[in-house]
Amino acid sequence: MDFRKLTKTAKKVIDDRGGSAALKQDAKELADIARGKGTMQQKASRAADALRQPGGRPVNEEDERPPQSTGGAAPPPAQAG
C-alpha cells in the first residue's frame, strides 16, 4: 500500500472541500444529524445532503430552486450606436 499517495489524495480532497476547518464543521454537522430526531432513512438523507455542501454550510431548499420570475418582461437589449 502506498501511504504517500494515500496521504496526498486525502490532503487534496480536504483542500478541495475547504480545508481542515471545513472538515471539522462537516464532522460536527454529521454528529448533530446522527443525534437528532428522525428515522435512520431521514438521517441518512440529511447526512448525504450535508456532505454535498462542504464546510458545514446549511442546506437551504431555496438554493436548489431556480430563481422565480417577477412576471415582468425582460428589458430590451441595448442598442449599439
Protein backbone atom coordinates (compact mmCIF):
# COMPACT_ATOMS: atom_id res chain seq x y z
CA MET A 1 0.00 0.00 0.00
CA ASP A 2 1.37 3.40 -0.99
CA PHE A 3 0.78 5.62 2.05
CA ARG A 4 2.34 8.67 0.40
CA LYS A 5 -0.15 8.50 -2.44
CA LEU A 6 -2.99 7.94 0.03
CA THR A 7 -1.85 10.92 2.13
CA LYS A 8 -1.53 13.15 -0.93
CA THR A 9 -5.01 12.18 -2.13
CA ALA A 10 -6.54 12.80 1.31
CA LYS A 11 -4.91 16.24 1.53
CA LYS A 12 -6.22 17.14 -1.93
CA VAL A 13 -9.77 16.09 -1.04
CA ILE A 14 -9.68 18.05 2.22
CA ASP A 15 -8.31 21.15 0.47
CA ASP A 16 -10.93 20.88 -2.29
CA ARG A 17 -13.68 20.81 0.35
CA GLY A 18 -12.42 23.91 2.16
CA GLY A 19 -9.57 22.78 4.42
CA SER A 20 -9.41 21.33 7.89
CA ALA A 21 -11.82 23.88 9.38
CA ALA A 22 -14.47 22.85 6.86
CA LEU A 23 -13.76 19.19 7.65
CA LYS A 24 -14.37 19.86 11.35
CA GLN A 25 -17.63 21.65 10.55
CA ASP A 26 -18.74 18.72 8.38
CA ALA A 27 -17.97 16.27 11.19
CA LYS A 28 -19.91 18.37 13.72
CA GLU A 29 -22.86 18.66 11.36
CA LEU A 30 -22.91 14.88 10.79
CA ALA A 31 -22.74 14.25 14.54
CA ASP A 32 -25.68 16.63 15.07
CA ILE A 33 -27.67 14.82 12.39
CA ALA A 34 -26.89 11.44 13.97
CA ARG A 35 -28.04 12.65 17.41
CA GLY A 36 -31.11 14.40 16.03
CA LYS A 37 -34.65 13.19 15.60
CA GLY A 38 -35.94 11.12 12.74
CA THR A 39 -35.69 7.68 11.24
CA MET A 40 -32.40 6.24 10.01
CA GLN A 41 -33.56 6.85 6.44
CA GLN A 42 -34.26 10.53 7.18
CA LYS A 43 -30.90 10.91 8.93
CA ALA A 44 -29.08 9.25 6.03
CA SER A 45 -30.79 11.59 3.58
CA ARG A 46 -29.90 14.68 5.64
CA ALA A 47 -26.31 13.46 6.02
CA ALA A 48 -25.98 12.94 2.26
CA ASP A 49 -27.35 16.44 1.65
CA ALA A 50 -24.95 17.87 4.23
CA LEU A 51 -21.96 16.23 2.57
CA ARG A 52 -22.92 17.74 -0.77
CA GLN A 53 -22.41 21.15 0.89
CA PRO A 54 -18.77 21.20 2.02
CA GLY A 55 -17.73 23.15 5.07
CA GLY A 56 -20.86 22.80 7.14
CA ARG A 57 -22.84 25.23 5.02
CA PRO A 58 -26.53 24.83 5.79
CA VAL A 59 -28.61 23.18 3.11
CA ASN A 60 -31.37 25.54 2.04
CA GLU A 61 -34.24 24.45 -0.15
CA GLU A 62 -34.16 27.87 -1.75
CA ASP A 63 -30.62 27.28 -3.03
CA GLU A 64 -31.81 24.34 -5.08
CA ARG A 65 -34.80 26.10 -6.61
CA PRO A 66 -34.50 28.08 -9.84
CA PRO A 67 -34.99 31.83 -9.46
CA GLN A 68 -38.62 32.84 -9.62
CA SER A 69 -39.78 35.20 -12.30
CA THR A 70 -41.32 38.50 -11.23
CA GLY A 71 -43.77 38.25 -14.11
CA GLY A 72 -42.32 41.24 -15.92
CA ALA A 73 -40.91 41.22 -19.42
CA ALA A 74 -37.17 41.17 -19.92
CA PRO A 75 -35.62 44.57 -20.60
CA PRO A 76 -34.94 45.33 -24.28
CA PRO A 77 -31.39 44.70 -25.48
CA ALA A 78 -29.06 47.68 -25.52
CA GLN A 79 -28.50 49.22 -28.93
CA ALA A 80 -25.01 49.98 -30.15
CA GLY A 81 -24.60 53.33 -31.63
